[in-house]
């Protein structure tokens, strides 16, 4: 497994990381690894669009048809409540 050395970390940041590691009952190194993993995962997830996520989770290979009806210019509006004007 590879090693990574991070230099010039200010003391306040190190102290915050130590406190966070204590709260999660991890070593300082494990907390830093977990934060790096989470940051990379968020970045990778941010590239995927909502329709792509839906297709991946609920697409035809899972037995669910996601075919949506085409949109029309005149959509049905929800009912109005309490005398609201359109």
C-alpha atoms as a PDB file:
ATOM      1  CA  UNK A   1       0.000   0.000   0.000  1.00  0.00           C
ATOM      2  CA  UNK A   2       1.271   3.478  -0.841  1.00  0.00           C
ATOM      3  CA  UNK A   3       2.045   6.238   1.629  1.00  0.00           C
ATOM      4  CA  UNK A   4       1.192   9.919   1.430  1.00  0.00           C
ATOM      5  CA  UNK A   5       2.950  12.666   3.350  1.00  0.00           C
ATOM      6  CA  UNK A   6       1.176  16.015   3.671  1.00  0.00           C
ATOM      7  CA  UNK A   7       3.409  18.878   4.744  1.00  0.00           C
ATOM      8  CA  UNK A   8       2.606  22.328   6.108  1.00  0.00           C
ATOM      9  CA  UNK A   9      -0.728  21.474   7.746  1.00  0.00           C
ATOM     10  CA  UNK A  10      -1.567  24.263  10.173  1.00  0.00           C
ATOM     11  CA  UNK A  11      -2.061  23.327  13.805  1.00  0.00           C
ATOM     12  CA  UNK A  12      -5.723  24.367  13.910  1.00  0.00           C
ATOM     13  CA  UNK A  13      -6.562  22.051  11.015  1.00  0.00           C
ATOM     14  CA  UNK A  14      -4.596  19.203  12.601  1.00  0.00           C
ATOM     15  CA  UNK A  15      -6.417  19.766  15.898  1.00  0.00           C
ATOM     16  CA  UNK A  16      -9.795  19.712  14.154  1.00  0.00           C
ATOM     17  CA  UNK A  17      -8.865  16.498  12.370  1.00  0.00           C
ATOM     18  CA  UNK A  18      -7.714  14.934  15.647  1.00  0.00           C
ATOM     19  CA  UNK A  19     -10.984  15.905  17.348  1.00  0.00           C
ATOM     20  CA  UNK A  20     -12.992  14.492  14.457  1.00  0.00           C
ATOM     21  CA  UNK A  21     -10.980  11.255  14.601  1.00  0.00           C
ATOM     22  CA  UNK A  22     -11.682  10.975  18.340  1.00  0.00           C
ATOM     23  CA  UNK A  23     -15.421  11.464  17.753  1.00  0.00           C
ATOM     24  CA  UNK A  24     -15.402   8.694  15.143  1.00  0.00           C
ATOM     25  CA  UNK A  25     -13.115   6.495  17.273  1.00  0.00           C
ATOM     26  CA  UNK A  26     -10.469   6.347  14.557  1.00  0.00           C
ATOM     27  CA  UNK A  27      -6.797   7.112  14.362  1.00  0.00           C
ATOM     28  CA  UNK A  28      -5.743  10.413  12.851  1.00  0.00           C
ATOM     29  CA  UNK A  29      -4.464   8.585   9.769  1.00  0.00           C
ATOM     30  CA  UNK A  30      -7.675   6.576   9.320  1.00  0.00           C
ATOM     31  CA  UNK A  31      -9.770   9.734   9.650  1.00  0.00           C
ATOM     32  CA  UNK A  32      -7.670  11.449   6.975  1.00  0.00           C
ATOM     33  CA  UNK A  33      -8.045   8.409   4.668  1.00  0.00           C
ATOM     34  CA  UNK A  34     -11.802   8.367   5.198  1.00  0.00           C
ATOM     35  CA  UNK A  35     -12.088  12.088   4.426  1.00  0.00           C
ATOM     36  CA  UNK A  36     -10.090  11.608   1.226  1.00  0.00           C
ATOM     37  CA  UNK A  37     -12.282   8.630   0.202  1.00  0.00           C
ATOM     38  CA  UNK A  38     -15.464  10.619   0.838  1.00  0.00           C
ATOM     39  CA  UNK A  39     -14.215  13.638  -1.118  1.00  0.00           C
ATOM     40  CA  UNK A  40     -13.339  11.499  -4.139  1.00  0.00           C
ATOM     41  CA  UNK A  41     -16.690   9.655  -3.950  1.00  0.00           C
ATOM     42  CA  UNK A  42     -18.626  12.955  -3.831  1.00  0.00           C
ATOM     43  CA  UNK A  43     -16.723  14.247  -6.825  1.00  0.00           C
ATOM     44  CA  UNK A  44     -17.414  11.085  -8.815  1.00  0.00           C
ATOM     45  CA  UNK A  45     -21.101  11.100  -7.809  1.00  0.00           C
ATOM     46  CA  UNK A  46     -21.419  14.760  -8.783  1.00  0.00           C
ATOM     47  CA  UNK A  47     -20.756  13.899 -12.413  1.00  0.00           C
ATOM     48  CA  UNK A  48     -23.743  11.566 -12.664  1.00  0.00           C
ATOM     49  CA  UNK A  49     -27.061  13.176 -13.620  1.00  0.00           C
ATOM     50  CA  UNK A  50     -30.350  12.382 -11.901  1.00  0.00           C
ATOM     51  CA  UNK A  51     -31.790  10.582 -14.963  1.00  0.00           C
ATOM     52  CA  UNK A  52     -28.603   8.517 -15.209  1.00  0.00           C
ATOM     53  CA  UNK A  53     -28.856   7.570 -11.526  1.00  0.00           C
ATOM     54  CA  UNK A  54     -32.527   6.621 -11.959  1.00  0.00           C
ATOM     55  CA  UNK A  55     -31.718   4.506 -15.031  1.00  0.00           C
ATOM     56  CA  UNK A  56     -28.871   2.797 -13.181  1.00  0.00           C
ATOM     57  CA  UNK A  57     -31.010   2.035 -10.130  1.00  0.00           C
ATOM     58  CA  UNK A  58     -34.388   1.367 -11.721  1.00  0.00           C
ATOM     59  CA  UNK A  59     -33.694   0.763 -15.418  1.00  0.00           C
ATOM     60  CA  UNK A  60     -34.907  -2.057 -17.668  1.00  0.00           C
ATOM     61  CA  UNK A  61     -32.238  -4.458 -16.390  1.00  0.00           C
ATOM     62  CA  UNK A  62     -34.040  -4.240 -13.028  1.00  0.00           C
ATOM     63  CA  UNK A  63     -37.449  -4.972 -14.589  1.00  0.00           C
ATOM     64  CA  UNK A  64     -38.727  -1.403 -14.472  1.00  0.00           C
ATOM     65  CA  UNK A  65     -39.655   0.529 -17.599  1.00  0.00           C
ATOM     66  CA  UNK A  66     -38.821   4.218 -17.311  1.00  0.00           C
ATOM     67  CA  UNK A  67     -40.465   5.303 -20.545  1.00  0.00           C
ATOM     68  CA  UNK A  68     -42.063   8.675 -19.846  1.00  0.00           C
ATOM     69  CA  UNK A  69     -44.916  10.083 -21.909  1.00  0.00           C
ATOM     70  CA  UNK A  70     -43.887  12.960 -24.165  1.00  0.00           C
ATOM     71  CA  UNK A  71     -44.437  16.441 -22.794  1.00  0.00           C
ATOM     72  CA  UNK A  72     -47.078  18.555 -24.383  1.00  0.00           C
ATOM     73  CA  UNK A  73     -47.308  22.309 -24.559  1.00  0.00           C
ATOM     74  CA  UNK A  74     -50.575  22.243 -22.597  1.00  0.00           C
ATOM     75  CA  UNK A  75     -49.914  20.388 -19.336  1.00  0.00           C
ATOM     76  CA  UNK A  76     -52.639  19.572 -16.878  1.00  0.00           C
ATOM     77  CA  UNK A  77     -52.399  21.950 -13.939  1.00  0.00           C
ATOM     78  CA  UNK A  78     -52.919  20.935 -10.341  1.00  0.00           C
ATOM     79  CA  UNK A  79     -56.179  22.035  -8.702  1.00  0.00           C
ATOM     80  CA  UNK A  80     -56.352  25.436  -7.026  1.00  0.00           C
ATOM     81  CA  UNK A  81     -57.217  25.696  -3.360  1.00  0.00           C
ATOM     82  CA  UNK A  82     -58.738  28.537  -1.382  1.00  0.00           C
ATOM     83  CA  UNK A  83     -59.845  30.750  -4.281  1.00  0.00           C
ATOM     84  CA  UNK A  84     -56.355  31.274  -5.721  1.00  0.00           C
ATOM     85  CA  UNK A  85     -56.287  32.978  -9.109  1.00  0.00           C
ATOM     86  CA  UNK A  86     -54.331  31.557 -12.028  1.00  0.00           C
END
